[in-house]
Amino acid sequence: MDVHKELDTRGLNCPLPILKTKKMLAEMQSGEVLRVVSTDPGSMRDFQAFARQTGNELVEQISAGAEFVHVLKRR
């Protein structure tokens, strides 16, 4: 899958990763893919709730050590 943009939210805690993601998705076209890297363990459930509430598709979530990767497709 092609990733169109990437967002680094390492070191930021809730709600900043979600707020920055929301802002970046607003600048993207429908169908484009955003990859977000976070170090906030709560981001796993936060991004699931965010996708449900906004209608954006949560394509993938990966936990890699202390980092959490979230891949979203813009609605």
PDB file of N, CA and C in Angstrom:
ATOM      1  N   MET A   1       0.828  -1.179   0.000  1.00  0.00           N
ATOM      2  CA  MET A   1       0.000   0.000   0.000  1.00  0.00           C
ATOM      3  C   MET A   1       0.878   1.249   0.000  1.00  0.00           C
ATOM      4  N   ASP A   2       0.541   2.191  -0.858  1.00  0.00           N
ATOM      5  CA  ASP A   2       1.292   3.448  -0.927  1.00  0.00           C
ATOM      6  C   ASP A   2       0.923   4.351   0.241  1.00  0.00           C
ATOM      7  N   VAL A   3       1.935   4.868   0.905  1.00  0.00           N
ATOM      8  CA  VAL A   3       1.725   5.847   1.972  1.00  0.00           C
ATOM      9  C   VAL A   3       2.010   7.215   1.374  1.00  0.00           C
ATOM     10  N   HIS A   4       1.028   8.111   1.448  1.00  0.00           N
ATOM     11  CA  HIS A   4       1.163   9.427   0.838  1.00  0.00           C
ATOM     12  C   HIS A   4       1.841  10.439   1.762  1.00  0.00           C
ATOM     13  N   LYS A   5       1.581  10.320   3.067  1.00  0.00           N
ATOM     14  CA  LYS A   5       2.201  11.231   4.032  1.00  0.00           C
ATOM     15  C   LYS A   5       2.541  10.459   5.292  1.00  0.00           C
ATOM     16  N   GLU A   6       3.520  10.988   6.018  1.00  0.00           N
ATOM     17  CA  GLU A   6       3.934  10.378   7.270  1.00  0.00           C
ATOM     18  C   GLU A   6       3.972  11.448   8.353  1.00  0.00           C
ATOM     19  N   LEU A   7       3.549  11.061   9.555  1.00  0.00           N
ATOM     20  CA  LEU A   7       3.492  11.993  10.674  1.00  0.00           C
ATOM     21  C   LEU A   7       4.222  11.376  11.864  1.00  0.00           C
ATOM     22  N   ASP A   8       5.193  12.106  12.399  1.00  0.00           N
ATOM     23  CA  ASP A   8       5.964  11.639  13.546  1.00  0.00           C
ATOM     24  C   ASP A   8       5.434  12.328  14.804  1.00  0.00           C
ATOM     25  N   THR A   9       4.789  11.550  15.679  1.00  0.00           N
ATOM     26  CA  THR A   9       4.279  12.118  16.934  1.00  0.00           C
ATOM     27  C   THR A   9       4.999  11.507  18.133  1.00  0.00           C
ATOM     28  N   ARG A  10       6.217  11.026  17.908  1.00  0.00           N
ATOM     29  CA  ARG A  10       7.006  10.448  18.999  1.00  0.00           C
ATOM     30  C   ARG A  10       7.203  11.495  20.095  1.00  0.00           C
ATOM     31  N   GLY A  11       7.030  11.069  21.348  1.00  0.00           N
ATOM     32  CA  GLY A  11       7.239  11.958  22.481  1.00  0.00           C
ATOM     33  C   GLY A  11       6.004  12.763  22.867  1.00  0.00           C
ATOM     34  N   LEU A  12       4.963  12.702  22.055  1.00  0.00           N
ATOM     35  CA  LEU A  12       3.730  13.439  22.353  1.00  0.00           C
ATOM     36  C   LEU A  12       2.712  12.510  22.992  1.00  0.00           C
ATOM     37  N   ASN A  13       1.961  13.035  23.950  1.00  0.00           N
ATOM     38  CA  ASN A  13       0.926  12.242  24.613  1.00  0.00           C
ATOM     39  C   ASN A  13      -0.452  12.764  24.228  1.00  0.00           C
ATOM     40  N   CYS A  14      -1.445  11.939  24.482  1.00  0.00           N
ATOM     41  CA  CYS A  14      -2.834  12.247  24.182  1.00  0.00           C
ATOM     42  C   CYS A  14      -3.190  13.623  24.741  1.00  0.00           C
ATOM     43  N   PRO A  15      -3.848  14.456  24.012  1.00  0.00           N
ATOM     44  CA  PRO A  15      -4.509  14.226  22.722  1.00  0.00           C
ATOM     45  C   PRO A  15      -3.707  14.694  21.514  1.00  0.00           C
ATOM     46  N   LEU A  16      -2.440  15.090  21.703  1.00  0.00           N
ATOM     47  CA  LEU A  16      -1.674  15.683  20.603  1.00  0.00           C
ATOM     48  C   LEU A  16      -1.520  14.798  19.364  1.00  0.00           C
ATOM     49  N   PRO A  17      -1.218  13.489  19.493  1.00  0.00           N
ATOM     50  CA  PRO A  17      -1.124  12.681  18.266  1.00  0.00           C
ATOM     51  C   PRO A  17      -2.424  12.696  17.452  1.00  0.00           C
ATOM     52  N   ILE A  18      -3.560  12.633  18.128  1.00  0.00           N
ATOM     53  CA  ILE A  18      -4.847  12.643  17.434  1.00  0.00           C
ATOM     54  C   ILE A  18      -5.095  14.013  16.791  1.00  0.00           C
ATOM     55  N   LEU A  19      -4.811  15.081  17.511  1.00  0.00           N
ATOM     56  CA  LEU A  19      -5.036  16.423  16.976  1.00  0.00           C
ATOM     57  C   LEU A  19      -4.175  16.693  15.743  1.00  0.00           C
ATOM     58  N   LYS A  20      -2.909  16.279  15.801  1.00  0.00           N
ATOM     59  CA  LYS A  20      -2.022  16.474  14.659  1.00  0.00           C
ATOM     60  C   LYS A  20      -2.463  15.607  13.471  1.00  0.00           C
ATOM     61  N   THR A  21      -2.950  14.394  13.771  1.00  0.00           N
ATOM     62  CA  THR A  21      -3.446  13.514  12.718  1.00  0.00           C
ATOM     63  C   THR A  21      -4.674  14.115  12.057  1.00  0.00           C
ATOM     64  N   LYS A  22      -5.585  14.625  12.862  1.00  0.00           N
ATOM     65  CA  LYS A  22      -6.812  15.241  12.339  1.00  0.00           C
ATOM     66  C   LYS A  22      -6.472  16.397  11.397  1.00  0.00           C
ATOM     67  N   LYS A  23      -5.522  17.225  11.811  1.00  0.00           N
ATOM     68  CA  LYS A  23      -5.112  18.368  10.991  1.00  0.00           C
ATOM     69  C   LYS A  23      -4.505  17.909   9.661  1.00  0.00           C
ATOM     70  N   MET A  24      -3.635  16.909   9.715  1.00  0.00           N
ATOM     71  CA  MET A  24      -2.986  16.442   8.490  1.00  0.00           C
ATOM     72  C   MET A  24      -3.990  15.776   7.549  1.00  0.00           C
ATOM     73  N   LEU A  25      -4.916  14.969   8.106  1.00  0.00           N
ATOM     74  CA  LEU A  25      -5.927  14.315   7.266  1.00  0.00           C
ATOM     75  C   LEU A  25      -6.796  15.344   6.555  1.00  0.00           C
ATOM     76  N   ALA A  26      -7.056  16.472   7.213  1.00  0.00           N
ATOM     77  CA  ALA A  26      -7.881  17.524   6.613  1.00  0.00           C
ATOM     78  C   ALA A  26      -7.220  18.113   5.373  1.00  0.00           C
ATOM     79  N   GLU A  27      -5.899  18.024   5.298  1.00  0.00           N
ATOM     80  CA  GLU A  27      -5.141  18.566   4.164  1.00  0.00           C
ATOM     81  C   GLU A  27      -4.981  17.543   3.040  1.00  0.00           C
ATOM     82  N   MET A  28      -5.417  16.302   3.276  1.00  0.00           N
ATOM     83  CA  MET A  28      -5.225  15.218   2.306  1.00  0.00           C
ATOM     84  C   MET A  28      -6.486  14.987   1.473  1.00  0.00           C
ATOM     85  N   GLN A  29      -6.299  14.316   0.340  1.00  0.00           N
ATOM     86  CA  GLN A  29      -7.407  13.969  -0.540  1.00  0.00           C
ATOM     87  C   GLN A  29      -8.032  12.652  -0.096  1.00  0.00           C
ATOM     88  N   SER A  30      -9.290  12.452  -0.444  1.00  0.00           N
ATOM     89  CA  SER A  30      -9.977  11.208  -0.134  1.00  0.00           C
ATOM     90  C   SER A  30      -9.231  10.021  -0.746  1.00  0.00           C
ATOM     91  N   GLY A  31      -9.051   8.969   0.051  1.00  0.00           N
ATOM     92  CA  GLY A  31      -8.352   7.772  -0.423  1.00  0.00           C
ATOM     93  C   GLY A  31      -6.859   7.772  -0.169  1.00  0.00           C
ATOM     94  N   GLU A  32      -6.289   8.920   0.196  1.00  0.00           N
ATOM     95  CA  GLU A  32      -4.857   8.967   0.480  1.00  0.00           C
ATOM     96  C   GLU A  32      -4.582   8.312   1.836  1.00  0.00           C
ATOM     97  N   VAL A  33      -3.349   7.838   2.010  1.00  0.00           N
ATOM     98  CA  VAL A  33      -2.970   7.072   3.198  1.00  0.00           C
ATOM     99  C   VAL A  33      -1.945   7.844   4.025  1.00  0.00           C
ATOM    100  N   LEU A  34      -2.188   7.866   5.331  1.00  0.00           N
ATOM    101  CA  LEU A  34      -1.313   8.543   6.291  1.00  0.00           C
ATOM    102  C   LEU A  34      -0.761   7.518   7.268  1.00  0.00           C
ATOM    103  N   ARG A  35       0.555   7.576   7.486  1.00  0.00           N
ATOM    104  CA  ARG A  35       1.218   6.696   8.462  1.00  0.00           C
ATOM    105  C   ARG A  35       1.648   7.560   9.632  1.00  0.00           C
ATOM    106  N   VAL A  36       1.200   7.185  10.835  1.00  0.00           N
ATOM    107  CA  VAL A  36       1.510   7.950  12.052  1.00  0.00           C
ATOM    108  C   VAL A  36       2.345   7.068  12.984  1.00  0.00           C
ATOM    109  N   VAL A  37       3.467   7.605  13.470  1.00  0.00           N
ATOM    110  CA  VAL A  37       4.313   6.893  14.425  1.00  0.00           C
ATOM    111  C   VAL A  37       4.198   7.608  15.769  1.00  0.00           C
ATOM    112  N   SER A  38       3.905   6.836  16.810  1.00  0.00           N
ATOM    113  CA  SER A  38       3.688   7.397  18.148  1.00  0.00           C
ATOM    114  C   SER A  38       4.439   6.572  19.191  1.00  0.00           C
ATOM    115  N   THR A  39       4.715   7.205  20.335  1.00  0.00           N
ATOM    116  CA  THR A  39       5.306   6.472  21.460  1.00  0.00           C
ATOM    117  C   THR A  39       4.321   6.390  22.626  1.00  0.00           C
ATOM    118  N   ASP A  40       3.113   6.900  22.430  1.00  0.00           N
ATOM    119  CA  ASP A  40       2.079   6.886  23.469  1.00  0.00           C
ATOM    120  C   ASP A  40       1.336   5.548  23.425  1.00  0.00           C
ATOM    121  N   PRO A  41       1.474   4.707  24.475  1.00  0.00           N
ATOM    122  CA  PRO A  41       0.797   3.396  24.469  1.00  0.00           C
ATOM    123  C   PRO A  41      -0.724   3.516  24.327  1.00  0.00           C
ATOM    124  N   GLY A  42      -1.291   4.603  24.823  1.00  0.00           N
ATOM    125  CA  GLY A  42      -2.730   4.812  24.705  1.00  0.00           C
ATOM    126  C   GLY A  42      -3.185   5.113  23.293  1.00  0.00           C
ATOM    127  N   SER A  43      -2.229   5.367  22.405  1.00  0.00           N
ATOM    128  CA  SER A  43      -2.585   5.718  21.028  1.00  0.00           C
ATOM    129  C   SER A  43      -3.251   4.552  20.294  1.00  0.00           C
ATOM    130  N   MET A  44      -3.002   3.322  20.723  1.00  0.00           N
ATOM    131  CA  MET A  44      -3.624   2.169  20.060  1.00  0.00           C
ATOM    132  C   MET A  44      -5.150   2.273  20.142  1.00  0.00           C
ATOM    133  N   ARG A  45      -5.678   2.486  21.326  1.00  0.00           N
ATOM    134  CA  ARG A  45      -7.138   2.601  21.462  1.00  0.00           C
ATOM    135  C   ARG A  45      -7.629   3.961  20.990  1.00  0.00           C
ATOM    136  N   ASP A  46      -6.807   5.007  21.149  1.00  0.00           N
ATOM    137  CA  ASP A  46      -7.206   6.345  20.710  1.00  0.00           C
ATOM    138  C   ASP A  46      -7.457   6.382  19.204  1.00  0.00           C
ATOM    139  N   PHE A  47      -6.565   5.751  18.437  1.00  0.00           N
ATOM    140  CA  PHE A  47      -6.723   5.772  16.980  1.00  0.00           C
ATOM    141  C   PHE A  47      -7.895   4.899  16.527  1.00  0.00           C
ATOM    142  N   GLN A  48      -8.181   3.834  17.270  1.00  0.00           N
ATOM    143  CA  GLN A  48      -9.364   3.020  16.949  1.00  0.00           C
ATOM    144  C   GLN A  48     -10.634   3.840  17.127  1.00  0.00           C
ATOM    145  N   ALA A  49     -10.724   4.564  18.237  1.00  0.00           N
ATOM    146  CA  ALA A  49     -11.890   5.412  18.507  1.00  0.00           C
ATOM    147  C   ALA A  49     -11.966   6.558  17.499  1.00  0.00           C
ATOM    148  N   PHE A  50     -10.831   7.143  17.175  1.00  0.00           N
ATOM    149  CA  PHE A  50     -10.782   8.241  16.213  1.00  0.00           C
ATOM    150  C   PHE A  50     -11.324   7.801  14.851  1.00  0.00           C
ATOM    151  N   ALA A  51     -10.896   6.625  14.405  1.00  0.00           N
ATOM    152  CA  ALA A  51     -11.356   6.118  13.103  1.00  0.00           C
ATOM    153  C   ALA A  51     -12.865   5.879  13.122  1.00  0.00           C
ATOM    154  N   ARG A  52     -13.371   5.287  14.195  1.00  0.00           N
ATOM    155  CA  ARG A  52     -14.821   5.045  14.309  1.00  0.00           C
ATOM    156  C   ARG A  52     -15.601   6.358  14.272  1.00  0.00           C
ATOM    157  N   GLN A  53     -15.106   7.356  14.974  1.00  0.00           N
ATOM    158  CA  GLN A  53     -15.827   8.625  15.102  1.00  0.00           C
ATOM    159  C   GLN A  53     -15.765   9.485  13.844  1.00  0.00           C
ATOM    160  N   THR A  54     -14.687   9.365  13.072  1.00  0.00           N
ATOM    161  CA  THR A  54     -14.502  10.250  11.914  1.00  0.00           C
ATOM    162  C   THR A  54     -14.831   9.593  10.581  1.00  0.00           C
ATOM    163  N   GLY A  55     -14.921   8.267  10.556  1.00  0.00           N
ATOM    164  CA  GLY A  55     -15.206   7.584   9.302  1.00  0.00           C
ATOM    165  C   GLY A  55     -13.970   7.313   8.457  1.00  0.00           C
ATOM    166  N   ASN A  56     -12.790   7.707   8.956  1.00  0.00           N
ATOM    167  CA  ASN A  56     -11.549   7.365   8.265  1.00  0.00           C
ATOM    168  C   ASN A  56     -11.239   5.897   8.566  1.00  0.00           C
ATOM    169  N   GLU A  57     -10.632   5.213   7.604  1.00  0.00           N
ATOM    170  CA  GLU A  57     -10.368   3.785   7.771  1.00  0.00           C
ATOM    171  C   GLU A  57      -9.018   3.556   8.448  1.00  0.00           C
ATOM    172  N   LEU A  58      -9.035   2.805   9.550  1.00  0.00           N
ATOM    173  CA  LEU A  58      -7.800   2.406  10.219  1.00  0.00           C
ATOM    174  C   LEU A  58      -7.344   1.128   9.541  1.00  0.00           C
ATOM    175  N   VAL A  59      -6.392   1.267   8.631  1.00  0.00           N
ATOM    176  CA  VAL A  59      -5.953   0.158   7.791  1.00  0.00           C
ATOM    177  C   VAL A  59      -5.094  -0.828   8.568  1.00  0.00           C
ATOM    178  N   GLU A  60      -4.235  -0.287   9.449  1.00  0.00           N
ATOM    179  CA  GLU A  60      -3.276  -1.156  10.136  1.00  0.00           C
ATOM    180  C   GLU A  60      -2.780  -0.477  11.410  1.00  0.00           C
ATOM    181  N   GLN A  61      -2.501  -1.296  12.419  1.00  0.00           N
ATOM    182  CA  GLN A  61      -1.824  -0.831  13.634  1.00  0.00           C
ATOM    183  C   GLN A  61      -0.738  -1.841  13.964  1.00  0.00           C
ATOM    184  N   ILE A  62       0.455  -1.319  14.247  1.00  0.00           N
ATOM    185  CA  ILE A  62       1.589  -2.187  14.566  1.00  0.00           C
ATOM    186  C   ILE A  62       2.230  -1.675  15.850  1.00  0.00           C
ATOM    187  N   SER A  63       2.511  -2.601  16.769  1.00  0.00           N
ATOM    188  CA  SER A  63       3.253  -2.274  17.972  1.00  0.00           C
ATOM    189  C   SER A  63       4.661  -2.813  17.786  1.00  0.00           C
ATOM    190  N   ALA A  64       5.641  -1.907  17.723  1.00  0.00           N
ATOM    191  CA  ALA A  64       7.034  -2.313  17.497  1.00  0.00           C
ATOM    192  C   ALA A  64       7.891  -1.759  18.633  1.00  0.00           C
ATOM    193  N   GLY A  65       8.045  -2.560  19.682  1.00  0.00           N
ATOM    194  CA  GLY A  65       8.819  -2.105  20.835  1.00  0.00           C
ATOM    195  C   GLY A  65       8.104  -0.967  21.533  1.00  0.00           C
ATOM    196  N   ALA A  66       8.774   0.175  21.615  1.00  0.00           N
ATOM    197  CA  ALA A  66       8.197   1.350  22.286  1.00  0.00           C
ATOM    198  C   ALA A  66       7.449   2.252  21.307  1.00  0.00           C
ATOM    199  N   GLU A  67       7.356   1.829  20.042  1.00  0.00           N
ATOM    200  CA  GLU A  67       6.679   2.648  19.037  1.00  0.00           C
ATOM    201  C   GLU A  67       5.408   1.965  18.549  1.00  0.00           C
ATOM    202  N   PHE A  68       4.447   2.794  18.197  1.00  0.00           N
ATOM    203  CA  PHE A  68       3.167   2.330  17.703  1.00  0.00           C
ATOM    204  C   PHE A  68       2.895   3.005  16.363  1.00  0.00           C
ATOM    205  N   VAL A  69       2.609   2.190  15.362  1.00  0.00           N
ATOM    206  CA  VAL A  69       2.387   2.707  14.009  1.00  0.00           C
ATOM    207  C   VAL A  69       0.928   2.547  13.655  1.00  0.00           C
ATOM    208  N   HIS A  70       0.341   3.622  13.156  1.00  0.00           N
ATOM    209  CA  HIS A  70      -1.078   3.631  12.774  1.00  0.00           C
ATOM    210  C   HIS A  70      -1.157   4.069  11.312  1.00  0.00           C
ATOM    211  N   VAL A  71      -1.857   3.300  10.508  1.00  0.00           N
ATOM    212  CA  VAL A  71      -2.021   3.635   9.091  1.00  0.00           C
ATOM    213  C   VAL A  71      -3.491   3.902   8.841  1.00  0.00           C
ATOM    214  N   LEU A  72      -3.789   5.114   8.395  1.00  0.00           N
ATOM    215  CA  LEU A  72      -5.169   5.526   8.169  1.00  0.00           C
ATOM    216  C   LEU A  72      -5.387   5.905   6.710  1.00  0.00           C
ATOM    217  N   LYS A  73      -6.569   5.573   6.203  1.00  0.00           N
ATOM    218  CA  LYS A  73      -6.955   5.986   4.853  1.00  0.00           C
ATOM    219  C   LYS A  73      -8.007   7.066   4.983  1.00  0.00           C
ATOM    220  N   ARG A  74      -7.760   8.195   4.328  1.00  0.00           N
ATOM    221  CA  ARG A  74      -8.674   9.348   4.391  1.00  0.00           C
ATOM    222  C   ARG A  74     -10.009   8.996   3.740  1.00  0.00           C
ATOM    223  N   ARG A  75     -11.094   9.329   4.416  1.00  0.00           N
ATOM    224  CA  ARG A  75     -12.440   9.038   3.880  1.00  0.00           C
ATOM    225  C   ARG A  75     -12.771   9.964   2.740  1.00  0.00           C
TER     226      ARG A  75
END
